[in-house]
Amino acid sequence: MNRPLRGLYAITPDIPAETPDSADRRLIAQVTQAIAGGARLIQYRAKDLDEARRHAQAAALARLCDATGVPLIINDDLELALSVGAGVHLGRDDGDPAAARRRLGADAIIGVSCYDSLDLALTAAAAGASYVAFGSFFPSTIKPRAARPTPDLLTQARARIAVPLVAIGGITPQNARLLIAAGADLLAVITGVFAAPDVAAAARAFSQQFEPGLRPPEHP
């Protein structure tokens, strides 16, 4: 990794379109805007596409990310990550991070979802994870039934885990500083960036929350 993992972690949405080509163009255009707005990490997440379409999109994103110096992470698919030269993000049932580390090599970024479990995070970090992710911290339309930790979990994890901490779930520029102040290094966002009419401006609003001197709002 060439620079610390800190800032906006933009996760791609499912993009409906009349044709695959238009979906691909829209995806690349939106990710380009997110990077222009300051995204420091991109995750490709596509649950409903066939293998050929996923590979084509991931390869195009890998070229974009390589050109802009922003790491690309593939959600839940180690083989796809290997094929396009990206990192991987693993969920509860997506395999062992130590095995992924052996396959991807020492420099690859490997993330692990830890939901609301500090024990899972400790295990993942010990197994070689590059970052651990907690959430959903706020109500999320993507995963409405997800675990709901409090920001205090980030504080507990920061005291015991050296790798970067990712916060996900219903994050907005208005609540982001609470999570950063609690210990989050990265804010993982889908809807708040990619559903915005101006993706670059939305990404910039999140990226600015990491600027020094900003104070978190008071807890309600």
Protein backbone atom coordinates (compact mmCIF):
# COMPACT_ATOMS: atom_id res chain seq x y z
CA MET A 1 0.00 0.00 0.00
CA ASN A 2 1.50 3.31 -1.09
CA ARG A 3 -0.38 5.54 1.37
CA PRO A 4 -2.36 5.12 4.55
CA LEU A 5 -5.91 3.82 4.24
CA ARG A 6 -7.88 6.82 5.42
CA GLY A 7 -10.81 8.71 3.94
CA LEU A 8 -13.81 7.86 1.81
CA TYR A 9 -14.24 4.22 0.79
CA ALA A 10 -16.70 4.32 -2.12
CA ILE A 11 -18.61 1.09 -2.81
CA THR A 12 -20.25 0.72 -6.21
CA PRO A 13 -24.02 0.32 -6.49
CA ASP A 14 -26.05 -1.98 -8.71
CA ILE A 15 -26.69 0.03 -11.86
CA PRO A 16 -29.81 -0.83 -13.90
CA ALA A 17 -29.58 -0.02 -17.59
CA GLU A 18 -31.17 -0.89 -20.90
CA THR A 19 -27.92 -2.37 -22.24
CA PRO A 20 -24.75 -3.74 -20.63
CA ASP A 21 -22.63 -1.14 -22.43
CA SER A 22 -24.60 1.77 -20.98
CA ALA A 23 -24.35 0.25 -17.49
CA ASP A 24 -20.60 -0.13 -17.89
CA ARG A 25 -20.18 3.45 -19.08
CA ARG A 26 -22.29 4.80 -16.23
CA LEU A 27 -20.34 2.76 -13.67
CA ILE A 28 -16.98 4.00 -14.91
CA ALA A 29 -18.24 7.58 -15.11
CA GLN A 30 -19.57 7.49 -11.56
CA VAL A 31 -16.42 5.94 -10.10
CA THR A 32 -14.32 8.49 -11.98
CA GLN A 33 -16.37 11.23 -10.32
CA ALA A 34 -16.05 9.61 -6.89
CA ILE A 35 -12.28 9.51 -7.25
CA ALA A 36 -12.28 13.13 -8.40
CA GLY A 37 -14.18 13.94 -5.20
CA GLY A 38 -11.50 12.36 -3.08
CA ALA A 39 -12.39 8.66 -2.68
CA ARG A 40 -9.30 6.84 -1.37
CA LEU A 41 -10.53 3.29 -1.93
CA ILE A 42 -13.03 1.77 -4.38
CA GLN A 43 -14.94 -1.47 -3.86
CA TYR A 44 -16.63 -3.22 -6.76
CA ARG A 45 -19.84 -4.81 -5.50
CA ALA A 46 -22.20 -6.42 -8.02
CA LYS A 47 -24.44 -9.17 -6.67
CA ASP A 48 -26.75 -9.81 -9.62
CA LEU A 49 -24.59 -9.85 -12.75
CA ASP A 50 -23.29 -12.87 -14.62
CA GLU A 51 -19.63 -13.83 -14.44
CA ALA A 52 -18.66 -12.35 -17.82
CA ARG A 53 -20.27 -8.99 -17.05
CA ARG A 54 -18.68 -8.85 -13.60
CA HIS A 55 -15.26 -9.57 -15.05
CA ALA A 56 -15.63 -6.91 -17.75
CA GLN A 57 -16.68 -4.26 -15.24
CA ALA A 58 -14.02 -5.23 -12.71
CA ALA A 59 -11.30 -5.16 -15.37
CA ALA A 60 -12.40 -1.70 -16.51
CA LEU A 61 -12.41 -0.45 -12.93
CA ALA A 62 -8.97 -1.98 -12.35
CA ARG A 63 -7.60 0.02 -15.28
CA LEU A 64 -9.20 3.21 -13.97
CA CYS A 65 -7.96 2.67 -10.43
CA ASP A 66 -4.46 1.82 -11.62
CA ALA A 67 -4.36 5.03 -13.67
CA THR A 68 -5.53 7.17 -10.74
CA GLY A 69 -3.54 5.43 -8.00
CA VAL A 70 -6.64 4.46 -6.02
CA PRO A 71 -6.77 0.82 -4.83
CA LEU A 72 -9.59 -1.40 -6.08
CA ILE A 73 -11.22 -4.01 -3.85
CA ILE A 74 -13.51 -6.79 -5.11
CA ASN A 75 -16.43 -7.73 -2.89
CA ASP A 76 -16.70 -11.40 -1.92
CA ASP A 77 -14.89 -12.89 -4.94
CA LEU A 78 -11.28 -13.93 -4.50
CA GLU A 79 -10.96 -15.42 -7.99
CA LEU A 80 -12.19 -12.23 -9.64
CA ALA A 81 -9.79 -10.20 -7.50
CA LEU A 82 -6.93 -12.42 -8.63
CA SER A 83 -7.91 -12.15 -12.27
CA VAL A 84 -7.91 -8.33 -12.34
CA GLY A 85 -5.10 -7.71 -9.87
CA ALA A 86 -7.25 -6.20 -7.11
CA GLY A 87 -7.71 -6.66 -3.38
CA VAL A 88 -10.67 -8.46 -1.86
CA HIS A 89 -13.28 -7.87 0.81
CA LEU A 90 -14.52 -10.94 2.67
CA GLY A 91 -17.80 -11.37 4.50
CA ARG A 92 -18.71 -13.92 7.13
CA ASP A 93 -18.92 -16.83 4.66
CA ASP A 94 -16.37 -15.76 2.07
CA GLY A 95 -13.27 -17.55 3.26
CA ASP A 96 -10.26 -17.18 5.50
CA PRO A 97 -8.25 -13.95 5.24
CA ALA A 98 -5.04 -15.91 5.82
CA ALA A 99 -5.82 -18.08 2.78
CA ALA A 100 -6.65 -14.97 0.76
CA ARG A 101 -3.35 -13.44 1.84
CA ARG A 102 -1.47 -16.50 0.57
CA ARG A 103 -3.26 -16.27 -2.79
CA LEU A 104 -3.06 -12.50 -3.29
CA GLY A 105 0.36 -11.83 -1.80
CA ALA A 106 1.82 -9.64 0.90
CA ASP A 107 0.94 -6.28 -0.68
CA ALA A 108 -2.73 -6.92 -1.46
CA ILE A 109 -5.46 -5.15 0.47
CA ILE A 110 -7.70 -7.67 2.20
CA GLY A 111 -10.70 -6.43 4.17
CA VAL A 112 -13.01 -8.37 6.46
CA SER A 113 -16.57 -7.62 7.59
CA CYS A 114 -16.82 -7.92 11.36
CA TYR A 115 -20.37 -6.57 11.84
CA ASP A 116 -20.68 -5.80 15.57
CA SER A 117 -18.02 -8.24 16.80
CA LEU A 118 -14.71 -7.13 18.27
CA ASP A 119 -13.69 -10.80 18.54
CA LEU A 120 -14.14 -11.28 14.78
CA ALA A 121 -12.04 -8.19 14.18
CA LEU A 122 -9.23 -9.37 16.44
CA THR A 123 -9.20 -12.73 14.66
CA ALA A 124 -9.22 -11.13 11.22
CA ALA A 125 -6.38 -8.73 12.06
CA ALA A 126 -4.31 -11.59 13.43
CA ALA A 127 -4.95 -13.56 10.23
CA GLY A 128 -3.54 -10.81 8.05
CA ALA A 129 -6.46 -8.53 7.23
CA SER A 130 -5.46 -5.09 5.94
CA TYR A 131 -8.56 -3.52 7.50
CA VAL A 132 -11.61 -4.60 9.47
CA ALA A 133 -15.11 -3.25 8.88
CA PHE A 134 -17.93 -2.68 11.36
CA GLY A 135 -21.56 -1.74 10.80
CA SER A 136 -24.27 -0.88 10.06
CA PHE A 137 -23.89 2.11 12.38
CA PHE A 138 -27.04 3.82 11.12
CA PRO A 139 -30.14 2.53 9.31
CA SER A 140 -29.22 1.36 5.81
CA THR A 141 -31.38 0.76 2.76
CA ILE A 142 -28.77 -1.66 1.39
CA LYS A 143 -28.81 -3.97 4.44
CA PRO A 144 -31.80 -3.02 6.59
CA ARG A 145 -31.37 -6.04 8.88
CA ALA A 146 -27.65 -5.64 9.48
CA ALA A 147 -26.10 -5.61 12.95
CA ARG A 148 -26.19 -2.19 14.60
CA PRO A 149 -23.07 -1.47 16.68
CA THR A 150 -22.56 1.84 18.43
CA PRO A 151 -19.58 4.14 17.78
CA ASP A 152 -18.10 2.92 21.05
CA LEU A 153 -17.16 -0.31 19.26
CA LEU A 154 -14.76 1.68 17.10
CA THR A 155 -13.16 3.15 20.20
CA GLN A 156 -12.73 -0.32 21.71
CA ALA A 157 -11.29 -1.65 18.47
CA ARG A 158 -8.89 1.29 18.08
CA ALA A 159 -7.39 0.48 21.48
CA ARG A 160 -6.69 -3.14 20.50
CA ILE A 161 -6.29 -3.31 16.72
CA ALA A 162 -3.53 -1.68 14.69
CA VAL A 163 -5.04 -2.07 11.19
CA PRO A 164 -7.40 0.57 9.78
CA LEU A 165 -11.04 0.50 10.89
CA VAL A 166 -13.89 0.88 8.40
CA ALA A 167 -17.35 2.13 9.38
CA ILE A 168 -20.31 1.37 7.13
CA GLY A 169 -24.06 1.76 7.11
CA GLY A 170 -26.26 4.80 6.64
CA ILE A 171 -23.36 7.25 6.87
CA THR A 172 -23.91 10.87 5.85
CA PRO A 173 -21.68 13.94 6.00
CA GLN A 174 -23.77 14.98 9.02
CA ASN A 175 -23.05 11.87 11.11
CA ALA A 176 -19.63 11.01 9.71
CA ARG A 177 -17.60 12.95 12.26
CA LEU A 178 -19.04 10.93 15.14
CA LEU A 179 -17.54 7.80 13.61
CA ILE A 180 -14.21 9.42 12.76
CA ALA A 181 -13.90 10.79 16.28
CA ALA A 182 -14.65 7.31 17.65
CA GLY A 183 -11.81 5.78 15.63
CA ALA A 184 -12.93 5.14 12.04
CA ASP A 185 -10.17 5.49 9.44
CA LEU A 186 -12.44 4.89 6.46
CA LEU A 187 -16.10 5.61 5.81
CA ALA A 188 -17.66 3.07 3.46
CA VAL A 189 -20.53 4.63 1.52
CA ILE A 190 -22.74 3.47 -1.35
CA THR A 191 -26.01 5.42 -1.57
CA GLY A 192 -24.71 8.64 -0.04
CA VAL A 193 -22.23 8.95 -2.91
CA PHE A 194 -23.62 7.17 -5.93
CA ALA A 195 -27.28 8.13 -5.55
CA ALA A 196 -26.36 11.82 -5.40
CA PRO A 197 -27.06 14.01 -8.45
CA ASP A 198 -23.43 15.17 -8.34
CA VAL A 199 -21.25 12.20 -7.38
CA ALA A 200 -18.02 14.21 -7.19
CA ALA A 201 -19.58 16.78 -4.88
CA ALA A 202 -21.05 14.06 -2.67
CA ALA A 203 -17.68 12.32 -2.44
CA ARG A 204 -16.03 15.63 -1.61
CA ALA A 205 -18.50 16.25 1.22
CA PHE A 206 -17.45 12.96 2.83
CA SER A 207 -13.75 13.47 2.14
CA GLN A 208 -13.82 16.86 3.83
CA GLN A 209 -14.94 15.26 7.08
CA PHE A 210 -11.38 13.96 7.49
CA GLU A 211 -9.84 17.41 7.38
CA PRO A 212 -8.17 18.42 10.65
CA GLY A 213 -9.91 20.89 12.86
CA LEU A 214 -13.47 19.76 12.23
CA ARG A 215 -15.39 18.97 15.40
CA PRO A 216 -17.89 16.13 15.66
CA PRO A 217 -21.48 17.14 16.37
CA GLU A 218 -22.92 16.56 19.80
CA HIS A 219 -24.66 13.22 20.36
CA PRO A 220 -28.44 13.62 20.13
